[in-house]
């Protein structure tokens, strides 16, 4: 549900994610497909057929689900440049998804990003710059 929720929020209500588990050559295999309901019928494509933005939209919630399912780890997720290949028009939706999923799953998400809109919607934001060979950290908002 988390995967479909993220895809629908960012790409629209006509999309969903389907996963199927199988055994191939005595190895477990998880297949992830993006399903789009169109006026011509249902179109399915494996995740490898999409760009980086769609891959991040599926991979990041999967990471979050693993954290939630692993009871022995703290509920903190570090994301480095997730959604770096996303088109700019969808980034506000990504920021909305991150805030929403963080609240729903009671997770702290720490993300390194160049997207201003994600930083602007964060609870806290820090800027790191290099001056004379030293990293300078500035707190933008708490």
C-alpha atoms as a PDB file:
ATOM      1  CA  UNK A   1       0.000   0.000   0.000  1.00  0.00           C
ATOM      2  CA  UNK A   2       2.842   2.395   0.777  1.00  0.00           C
ATOM      3  CA  UNK A   3       4.265   1.945  -2.719  1.00  0.00           C
ATOM      4  CA  UNK A   4       0.936   2.528  -4.444  1.00  0.00           C
ATOM      5  CA  UNK A   5       0.231   5.508  -2.187  1.00  0.00           C
ATOM      6  CA  UNK A   6       3.542   7.135  -3.100  1.00  0.00           C
ATOM      7  CA  UNK A   7       3.101   6.495  -6.824  1.00  0.00           C
ATOM      8  CA  UNK A   8      -0.468   7.827  -6.839  1.00  0.00           C
ATOM      9  CA  UNK A   9       0.481  10.945  -4.892  1.00  0.00           C
ATOM     10  CA  UNK A  10       3.378  11.769  -7.206  1.00  0.00           C
ATOM     11  CA  UNK A  11       2.141  10.427 -10.583  1.00  0.00           C
ATOM     12  CA  UNK A  12      -1.645  10.367 -10.287  1.00  0.00           C
ATOM     13  CA  UNK A  13      -4.548   8.107  -9.336  1.00  0.00           C
ATOM     14  CA  UNK A  14      -4.320   5.914 -12.446  1.00  0.00           C
ATOM     15  CA  UNK A  15      -1.147   4.213 -11.204  1.00  0.00           C
ATOM     16  CA  UNK A  16      -0.495   1.377  -8.772  1.00  0.00           C
ATOM     17  CA  UNK A  17       2.356  -0.974  -7.921  1.00  0.00           C
ATOM     18  CA  UNK A  18       2.115  -4.755  -8.081  1.00  0.00           C
ATOM     19  CA  UNK A  19       4.718  -7.060  -6.597  1.00  0.00           C
ATOM     20  CA  UNK A  20       4.991 -10.782  -7.139  1.00  0.00           C
ATOM     21  CA  UNK A  21       7.280 -13.278  -5.480  1.00  0.00           C
ATOM     22  CA  UNK A  22       8.642 -16.338  -7.269  1.00  0.00           C
ATOM     23  CA  UNK A  23      11.522 -18.788  -7.296  1.00  0.00           C
ATOM     24  CA  UNK A  24      13.938 -18.792 -10.254  1.00  0.00           C
ATOM     25  CA  UNK A  25      16.953 -21.090 -10.354  1.00  0.00           C
ATOM     26  CA  UNK A  26      16.451 -21.911  -6.656  1.00  0.00           C
ATOM     27  CA  UNK A  27      16.610 -18.215  -5.761  1.00  0.00           C
ATOM     28  CA  UNK A  28      13.844 -16.015  -4.502  1.00  0.00           C
ATOM     29  CA  UNK A  29      12.822 -13.276  -6.898  1.00  0.00           C
ATOM     30  CA  UNK A  30      10.671 -10.216  -6.365  1.00  0.00           C
ATOM     31  CA  UNK A  31       9.140  -8.654  -9.451  1.00  0.00           C
ATOM     32  CA  UNK A  32       7.904  -5.062  -9.226  1.00  0.00           C
ATOM     33  CA  UNK A  33       5.563  -3.733 -11.902  1.00  0.00           C
ATOM     34  CA  UNK A  34       4.027  -0.345 -12.429  1.00  0.00           C
ATOM     35  CA  UNK A  35       0.406  -0.636 -13.491  1.00  0.00           C
ATOM     36  CA  UNK A  36      -1.377   2.202 -15.261  1.00  0.00           C
ATOM     37  CA  UNK A  37      -5.084   2.182 -15.973  1.00  0.00           C
ATOM     38  CA  UNK A  38      -5.629   3.887 -19.320  1.00  0.00           C
ATOM     39  CA  UNK A  39      -8.675   4.364 -21.517  1.00  0.00           C
ATOM     40  CA  UNK A  40      -7.267   1.589 -23.730  1.00  0.00           C
ATOM     41  CA  UNK A  41      -6.856  -0.824 -20.817  1.00  0.00           C
ATOM     42  CA  UNK A  42      -4.267  -1.742 -18.247  1.00  0.00           C
ATOM     43  CA  UNK A  43      -0.588  -1.224 -19.084  1.00  0.00           C
ATOM     44  CA  UNK A  44       2.071  -3.021 -17.005  1.00  0.00           C
ATOM     45  CA  UNK A  45       5.783  -2.318 -17.081  1.00  0.00           C
ATOM     46  CA  UNK A  46       8.610  -3.647 -14.945  1.00  0.00           C
ATOM     47  CA  UNK A  47      10.469  -1.109 -12.867  1.00  0.00           C
ATOM     48  CA  UNK A  48      13.537  -1.383 -15.113  1.00  0.00           C
ATOM     49  CA  UNK A  49      11.559   0.291 -17.897  1.00  0.00           C
ATOM     50  CA  UNK A  50      11.239   3.596 -16.048  1.00  0.00           C
ATOM     51  CA  UNK A  51      13.479   6.544 -15.381  1.00  0.00           C
ATOM     52  CA  UNK A  52      15.227   7.404 -12.124  1.00  0.00           C
ATOM     53  CA  UNK A  53      12.336   9.459 -10.734  1.00  0.00           C
ATOM     54  CA  UNK A  54       9.920   6.541 -10.880  1.00  0.00           C
ATOM     55  CA  UNK A  55      12.573   4.172  -9.537  1.00  0.00           C
ATOM     56  CA  UNK A  56      13.123   6.492  -6.540  1.00  0.00           C
ATOM     57  CA  UNK A  57       9.365   6.765  -6.012  1.00  0.00           C
ATOM     58  CA  UNK A  58       9.252   2.989  -5.579  1.00  0.00           C
ATOM     59  CA  UNK A  59      12.650   2.328  -3.961  1.00  0.00           C
ATOM     60  CA  UNK A  60      12.388   4.920  -1.190  1.00  0.00           C
ATOM     61  CA  UNK A  61       9.107   3.631   0.286  1.00  0.00           C
ATOM     62  CA  UNK A  62      10.567   0.110   0.094  1.00  0.00           C
ATOM     63  CA  UNK A  63      13.489   1.280   2.228  1.00  0.00           C
ATOM     64  CA  UNK A  64      11.089   2.851   4.696  1.00  0.00           C
ATOM     65  CA  UNK A  65       9.047  -0.351   4.892  1.00  0.00           C
ATOM     66  CA  UNK A  66      12.191  -2.336   5.699  1.00  0.00           C
ATOM     67  CA  UNK A  67      13.021   0.056   8.542  1.00  0.00           C
ATOM     68  CA  UNK A  68       9.507  -0.184   9.956  1.00  0.00           C
ATOM     69  CA  UNK A  69       9.574  -3.989   9.689  1.00  0.00           C
ATOM     70  CA  UNK A  70      12.975  -4.329  11.360  1.00  0.00           C
ATOM     71  CA  UNK A  71      12.050  -3.945  15.011  1.00  0.00           C
ATOM     72  CA  UNK A  72      15.652  -3.929  16.240  1.00  0.00           C
ATOM     73  CA  UNK A  73      16.665  -0.730  14.405  1.00  0.00           C
ATOM     74  CA  UNK A  74      15.820   2.856  15.229  1.00  0.00           C
ATOM     75  CA  UNK A  75      13.200   4.520  13.074  1.00  0.00           C
ATOM     76  CA  UNK A  76      15.580   6.799  11.201  1.00  0.00           C
ATOM     77  CA  UNK A  77      16.140   6.724   7.452  1.00  0.00           C
ATOM     78  CA  UNK A  78      18.982   8.497   5.663  1.00  0.00           C
ATOM     79  CA  UNK A  79      18.353   9.333   2.005  1.00  0.00           C
ATOM     80  CA  UNK A  80      21.139  10.693  -0.186  1.00  0.00           C
ATOM     81  CA  UNK A  81      19.942  12.539  -3.270  1.00  0.00           C
ATOM     82  CA  UNK A  82      16.751  10.508  -3.580  1.00  0.00           C
ATOM     83  CA  UNK A  83      14.620  11.854  -6.398  1.00  0.00           C
ATOM     84  CA  UNK A  84      17.621  13.542  -8.019  1.00  0.00           C
ATOM     85  CA  UNK A  85      16.279  12.422 -11.419  1.00  0.00           C
ATOM     86  CA  UNK A  86      12.698  13.557 -10.766  1.00  0.00           C
ATOM     87  CA  UNK A  87      11.242  16.246 -12.975  1.00  0.00           C
ATOM     88  CA  UNK A  88      10.945  19.576 -11.177  1.00  0.00           C
ATOM     89  CA  UNK A  89       7.142  19.786 -11.456  1.00  0.00           C
ATOM     90  CA  UNK A  90       6.710  16.696  -9.259  1.00  0.00           C
ATOM     91  CA  UNK A  91       9.130  17.692  -6.481  1.00  0.00           C
ATOM     92  CA  UNK A  92       6.436  19.475  -4.392  1.00  0.00           C
ATOM     93  CA  UNK A  93       4.529  16.169  -4.414  1.00  0.00           C
ATOM     94  CA  UNK A  94       7.676  14.340  -3.283  1.00  0.00           C
ATOM     95  CA  UNK A  95       8.032  16.795  -0.371  1.00  0.00           C
ATOM     96  CA  UNK A  96       4.377  16.197   0.532  1.00  0.00           C
ATOM     97  CA  UNK A  97       4.918  12.424   0.399  1.00  0.00           C
ATOM     98  CA  UNK A  98       8.012  12.603   2.636  1.00  0.00           C
ATOM     99  CA  UNK A  99       6.179  14.655   5.269  1.00  0.00           C
ATOM    100  CA  UNK A 100       3.112  12.429   5.100  1.00  0.00           C
ATOM    101  CA  UNK A 101       4.947   9.099   5.307  1.00  0.00           C
ATOM    102  CA  UNK A 102       7.234  10.353   8.065  1.00  0.00           C
ATOM    103  CA  UNK A 103       4.203  11.238  10.183  1.00  0.00           C
ATOM    104  CA  UNK A 104       2.239   8.066   9.366  1.00  0.00           C
ATOM    105  CA  UNK A 105       5.108   5.684  10.087  1.00  0.00           C
ATOM    106  CA  UNK A 106       6.577   7.766  12.923  1.00  0.00           C
ATOM    107  CA  UNK A 107       9.937   7.863  11.126  1.00  0.00           C
ATOM    108  CA  UNK A 108      12.621  10.483  11.120  1.00  0.00           C
ATOM    109  CA  UNK A 109      13.838  11.038   7.562  1.00  0.00           C
ATOM    110  CA  UNK A 110      17.158  12.745   7.019  1.00  0.00           C
ATOM    111  CA  UNK A 111      17.687  13.632   3.380  1.00  0.00           C
ATOM    112  CA  UNK A 112      20.568  15.212   1.500  1.00  0.00           C
ATOM    113  CA  UNK A 113      19.106  17.076  -1.451  1.00  0.00           C
ATOM    114  CA  UNK A 114      19.614  19.954  -3.846  1.00  0.00           C
ATOM    115  CA  UNK A 115      15.856  20.490  -4.197  1.00  0.00           C
ATOM    116  CA  UNK A 116      14.913  23.775  -2.478  1.00  0.00           C
ATOM    117  CA  UNK A 117      11.240  22.810  -2.138  1.00  0.00           C
ATOM    118  CA  UNK A 118      12.129  19.699  -0.119  1.00  0.00           C
ATOM    119  CA  UNK A 119      14.370  21.755   2.185  1.00  0.00           C
ATOM    120  CA  UNK A 120      11.694  24.436   2.564  1.00  0.00           C
ATOM    121  CA  UNK A 121       9.085  21.902   3.698  1.00  0.00           C
ATOM    122  CA  UNK A 122      11.364  20.128   6.163  1.00  0.00           C
ATOM    123  CA  UNK A 123      11.054  20.526   9.933  1.00  0.00           C
ATOM    124  CA  UNK A 124      14.727  21.521  10.010  1.00  0.00           C
ATOM    125  CA  UNK A 125      17.191  22.320   7.247  1.00  0.00           C
ATOM    126  CA  UNK A 126      20.950  22.700   7.256  1.00  0.00           C
ATOM    127  CA  UNK A 127      23.228  24.064   4.576  1.00  0.00           C
ATOM    128  CA  UNK A 128      26.797  22.808   4.282  1.00  0.00           C
ATOM    129  CA  UNK A 129      29.338  24.859   2.345  1.00  0.00           C
ATOM    130  CA  UNK A 130      33.091  24.670   2.049  1.00  0.00           C
ATOM    131  CA  UNK A 131      35.103  27.750   3.003  1.00  0.00           C
ATOM    132  CA  UNK A 132      38.906  27.644   2.919  1.00  0.00           C
ATOM    133  CA  UNK A 133      38.829  23.849   3.070  1.00  0.00           C
ATOM    134  CA  UNK A 134      36.473  23.686   6.075  1.00  0.00           C
ATOM    135  CA  UNK A 135      32.832  22.610   6.096  1.00  0.00           C
ATOM    136  CA  UNK A 136      30.532  25.331   7.394  1.00  0.00           C
ATOM    137  CA  UNK A 137      27.084  24.220   8.615  1.00  0.00           C
ATOM    138  CA  UNK A 138      24.255  26.749   8.787  1.00  0.00           C
ATOM    139  CA  UNK A 139      20.912  26.036  10.404  1.00  0.00           C
ATOM    140  CA  UNK A 140      18.160  27.331   8.126  1.00  0.00           C
ATOM    141  CA  UNK A 141      15.151  26.573  10.327  1.00  0.00           C
ATOM    142  CA  UNK A 142      14.065  24.476  13.271  1.00  0.00           C
END
